[in-house]
Amino acid sequence: MFEHFNTADQVFHYKLGLALTMEYDSLDMLVEMEEAALRSDVRDLFRDHAHKSRQQIENLQQIFSLLGIEAHQAPSPASKGMAKEARSYIAKTDDAVLDGALLAGGLELAHYETAVYDGLVIQAQAKGTAGIAELLHQNLGQEKAVIEDIKAAFESVATEDAAIQEESAAPDAPAIVIPPYLPPGSI
């Protein structure tokens, strides 16, 4: 779309396209994460986040319409990298800890999306585009809510996984008891 940005509007339009790409990448990633998740509550969380991503895509398309420009996607290397990382987690993580790894990836994704929307809201407010700022603020609010939901689920899963790992690491043989103090020459 732009080879060089000369105006704040060009940057804003480009970032809107980046956000649209990010949401489509996120949606694909969330579907894969939902399918890979082992716990039903984790699957539900990713399904809910995917639903919110679809709403955010609709909001972005409405913003393009309000601006009178064609909806477009702009390169988003960060979201492509996060998608690649999520696929890697799925492929090489043992089932015993997969949900925790997926939630960590989901949390990273939601934080990135929040950062993108924070910037877009600031730009929209500075331009005085109230309707557009409100739609972007809706997307931002949804992402912040997703972060809290993922954090709560991640804390629960991480605690559960740590307890299971601790139980499985318990030694079978009795531990050697070492006396607290041996005076010199008593050995």
Protein backbone atom coordinates (compact mmCIF):
# COMPACT_ATOMS: atom_id res chain seq x y z
CA MET A 1 0.00 0.00 0.00
CA PHE A 2 2.63 2.57 1.07
CA GLU A 3 6.33 2.41 0.41
CA HIS A 4 7.05 5.43 2.56
CA PHE A 5 4.79 7.12 5.09
CA ASN A 6 4.42 10.87 4.60
CA THR A 7 1.40 11.56 6.80
CA ALA A 8 -0.09 10.39 10.07
CA ASP A 9 -3.14 9.19 8.11
CA GLN A 10 -0.94 6.88 6.03
CA VAL A 11 0.57 5.40 9.18
CA PHE A 12 -2.89 5.03 10.72
CA HIS A 13 -4.32 3.33 7.62
CA TYR A 14 -1.33 1.01 7.43
CA LYS A 15 -1.66 0.07 11.11
CA LEU A 16 -5.36 -0.63 10.57
CA GLY A 17 -4.35 -3.04 7.80
CA LEU A 18 -1.77 -4.58 10.09
CA ALA A 19 -4.44 -5.00 12.77
CA LEU A 20 -6.71 -6.74 10.25
CA THR A 21 -3.92 -9.13 9.27
CA MET A 22 -3.13 -9.67 12.95
CA GLU A 23 -6.75 -10.58 13.68
CA TYR A 24 -6.95 -13.05 10.78
CA ASP A 25 -3.65 -14.63 11.87
CA SER A 26 -4.91 -14.69 15.45
CA LEU A 27 -8.15 -16.34 14.40
CA ASP A 28 -6.29 -19.10 12.54
CA MET A 29 -3.98 -19.60 15.49
CA LEU A 30 -6.81 -19.71 18.03
CA VAL A 31 -8.64 -22.37 16.04
CA GLU A 32 -5.48 -24.50 15.99
CA MET A 33 -4.91 -23.91 19.71
CA GLU A 34 -8.52 -24.82 20.50
CA GLU A 35 -8.18 -28.08 18.57
CA ALA A 36 -4.90 -28.92 20.30
CA ALA A 37 -5.99 -28.07 23.85
CA LEU A 38 -6.70 -31.04 26.09
CA ARG A 39 -8.78 -29.43 28.84
CA SER A 40 -12.33 -28.44 27.92
CA ASP A 41 -12.08 -25.12 29.78
CA VAL A 42 -8.95 -24.21 27.82
CA ARG A 43 -10.68 -25.14 24.54
CA ASP A 44 -13.64 -22.96 25.59
CA LEU A 45 -11.31 -20.06 26.34
CA PHE A 46 -9.69 -20.23 22.90
CA ARG A 47 -13.12 -20.60 21.27
CA ASP A 48 -14.33 -17.47 23.09
CA HIS A 49 -11.19 -15.55 22.07
CA ALA A 50 -11.77 -16.64 18.45
CA HIS A 51 -15.36 -15.34 18.66
CA LYS A 52 -14.03 -11.99 19.92
CA SER A 53 -11.48 -11.93 17.09
CA ARG A 54 -14.31 -12.30 14.58
CA GLN A 55 -16.10 -9.35 16.20
CA GLN A 56 -12.87 -7.34 16.08
CA ILE A 57 -12.48 -8.11 12.37
CA GLU A 58 -16.02 -6.79 11.81
CA ASN A 59 -15.15 -3.63 13.76
CA LEU A 60 -12.01 -3.10 11.68
CA GLN A 61 -13.93 -3.56 8.44
CA GLN A 62 -16.50 -1.04 9.68
CA ILE A 63 -13.68 1.40 10.43
CA PHE A 64 -12.35 1.09 6.88
CA SER A 65 -15.88 1.79 5.64
CA LEU A 66 -16.21 4.84 7.89
CA LEU A 67 -12.91 6.15 6.57
CA GLY A 68 -14.09 5.62 3.01
CA ILE A 69 -11.15 3.39 2.11
CA GLU A 70 -11.03 -0.20 0.98
CA ALA A 71 -10.33 -2.72 3.73
CA HIS A 72 -6.84 -4.09 3.25
CA GLN A 73 -4.33 -6.20 5.06
CA ALA A 74 -0.78 -5.05 5.72
CA PRO A 75 2.16 -7.31 6.56
CA SER A 76 2.29 -8.37 10.19
CA PRO A 77 5.55 -10.25 10.75
CA ALA A 78 4.92 -10.32 14.51
CA SER A 79 1.61 -12.17 14.23
CA LYS A 80 3.09 -14.52 11.60
CA GLY A 81 5.93 -15.27 14.03
CA MET A 82 3.53 -15.89 16.90
CA ALA A 83 1.53 -18.29 14.72
CA LYS A 84 4.73 -20.14 13.81
CA GLU A 85 5.71 -20.31 17.48
CA ALA A 86 2.27 -21.64 18.47
CA ARG A 87 2.51 -24.40 15.85
CA SER A 88 5.95 -25.25 17.18
CA TYR A 89 4.59 -25.50 20.75
CA ILE A 90 1.85 -27.82 19.58
CA ALA A 91 4.27 -30.05 17.67
CA LYS A 92 6.96 -30.43 20.30
CA THR A 93 5.24 -30.14 23.66
CA ASP A 94 4.26 -33.19 25.66
CA ASP A 95 0.55 -33.56 26.35
CA ALA A 96 1.22 -33.31 30.08
CA VAL A 97 2.14 -29.63 29.75
CA LEU A 98 0.56 -28.69 26.41
CA ASP A 99 -2.32 -26.62 27.79
CA GLY A 100 0.06 -24.47 29.82
CA ALA A 101 2.25 -23.88 26.77
CA LEU A 102 -0.80 -22.98 24.69
CA LEU A 103 -2.05 -20.56 27.34
CA ALA A 104 1.38 -18.91 27.48
CA GLY A 105 1.21 -18.40 23.71
CA GLY A 106 -2.35 -17.10 23.96
CA LEU A 107 -1.32 -14.62 26.64
CA GLU A 108 1.58 -13.35 24.51
CA LEU A 109 -0.76 -12.96 21.54
CA ALA A 110 -3.36 -11.03 23.54
CA HIS A 111 -0.68 -8.67 24.90
CA TYR A 112 0.56 -7.98 21.38
CA GLU A 113 -2.97 -7.30 20.15
CA THR A 114 -3.54 -4.98 23.11
CA ALA A 115 -0.41 -3.00 22.23
CA VAL A 116 -1.55 -2.60 18.62
CA TYR A 117 -5.02 -1.43 19.70
CA ASP A 118 -3.58 0.94 22.32
CA GLY A 119 -1.65 2.71 19.57
CA LEU A 120 -4.62 2.80 17.20
CA VAL A 121 -6.92 4.22 19.89
CA ILE A 122 -4.43 6.98 20.64
CA GLN A 123 -4.13 7.83 16.95
CA ALA A 124 -7.92 7.81 16.43
CA GLN A 125 -8.50 10.04 19.45
CA ALA A 126 -5.81 12.46 18.30
CA LYS A 127 -7.51 12.68 14.90
CA GLY A 128 -10.84 13.37 16.57
CA THR A 129 -12.53 10.39 14.92
CA ALA A 130 -14.86 9.52 17.77
CA GLY A 131 -16.81 6.68 16.11
CA ILE A 132 -13.61 5.04 14.96
CA ALA A 133 -11.96 5.51 18.34
CA GLU A 134 -14.98 3.87 20.00
CA LEU A 135 -14.78 0.79 17.74
CA LEU A 136 -11.05 0.49 18.39
CA HIS A 137 -11.67 0.95 22.10
CA GLN A 138 -14.17 -1.95 21.97
CA ASN A 139 -11.47 -4.16 20.45
CA LEU A 140 -8.99 -2.99 23.07
CA GLY A 141 -11.45 -3.72 25.88
CA GLN A 142 -12.09 -7.21 24.55
CA GLU A 143 -8.36 -7.92 24.41
CA LYS A 144 -7.86 -6.70 27.96
CA ALA A 145 -10.68 -8.99 29.12
CA VAL A 146 -9.10 -11.90 27.23
CA ILE A 147 -5.80 -11.25 29.02
CA GLU A 148 -7.50 -11.52 32.40
CA ASP A 149 -9.33 -14.71 31.39
CA ILE A 150 -6.16 -16.33 30.05
CA LYS A 151 -4.15 -15.32 33.11
CA ALA A 152 -6.71 -16.90 35.44
CA ALA A 153 -6.80 -20.11 33.41
CA PHE A 154 -3.01 -20.16 33.07
CA GLU A 155 -2.50 -19.77 36.82
CA SER A 156 -4.84 -22.68 37.45
CA VAL A 157 -3.26 -24.93 34.80
CA ALA A 158 0.31 -24.02 35.83
CA THR A 159 -0.45 -24.81 39.47
CA GLU A 160 -2.10 -28.09 38.53
CA ASP A 161 0.78 -29.04 36.20
CA ALA A 162 3.39 -28.17 38.84
CA ALA A 163 1.63 -30.37 41.43
CA ILE A 164 1.46 -33.28 39.00
CA GLN A 165 5.12 -32.87 38.09
CA GLU A 166 6.11 -32.70 41.75
CA GLU A 167 4.19 -35.91 42.49
CA SER A 168 5.78 -37.75 39.58
CA ALA A 169 9.26 -36.56 40.60
CA ALA A 170 8.92 -37.90 44.16
CA PRO A 171 11.71 -40.39 44.85
CA ASP A 172 10.82 -44.05 45.27
CA ALA A 173 13.69 -44.82 47.64
CA PRO A 174 13.81 -43.34 51.12
CA ALA A 175 15.92 -40.23 51.38
CA ILE A 176 19.24 -40.43 53.15
CA VAL A 177 19.02 -38.63 56.47
CA ILE A 178 22.06 -36.54 57.27
CA PRO A 179 22.50 -35.52 60.88
CA PRO A 180 22.51 -31.77 61.37
CA TYR A 181 25.95 -31.72 63.00
CA LEU A 182 28.83 -34.11 63.40
CA PRO A 183 31.50 -32.98 65.82
CA PRO A 184 35.08 -33.18 64.61
CA GLY A 185 36.66 -36.57 65.18
CA SER A 186 33.31 -38.37 65.55
CA ILE A 187 33.49 -39.96 62.14
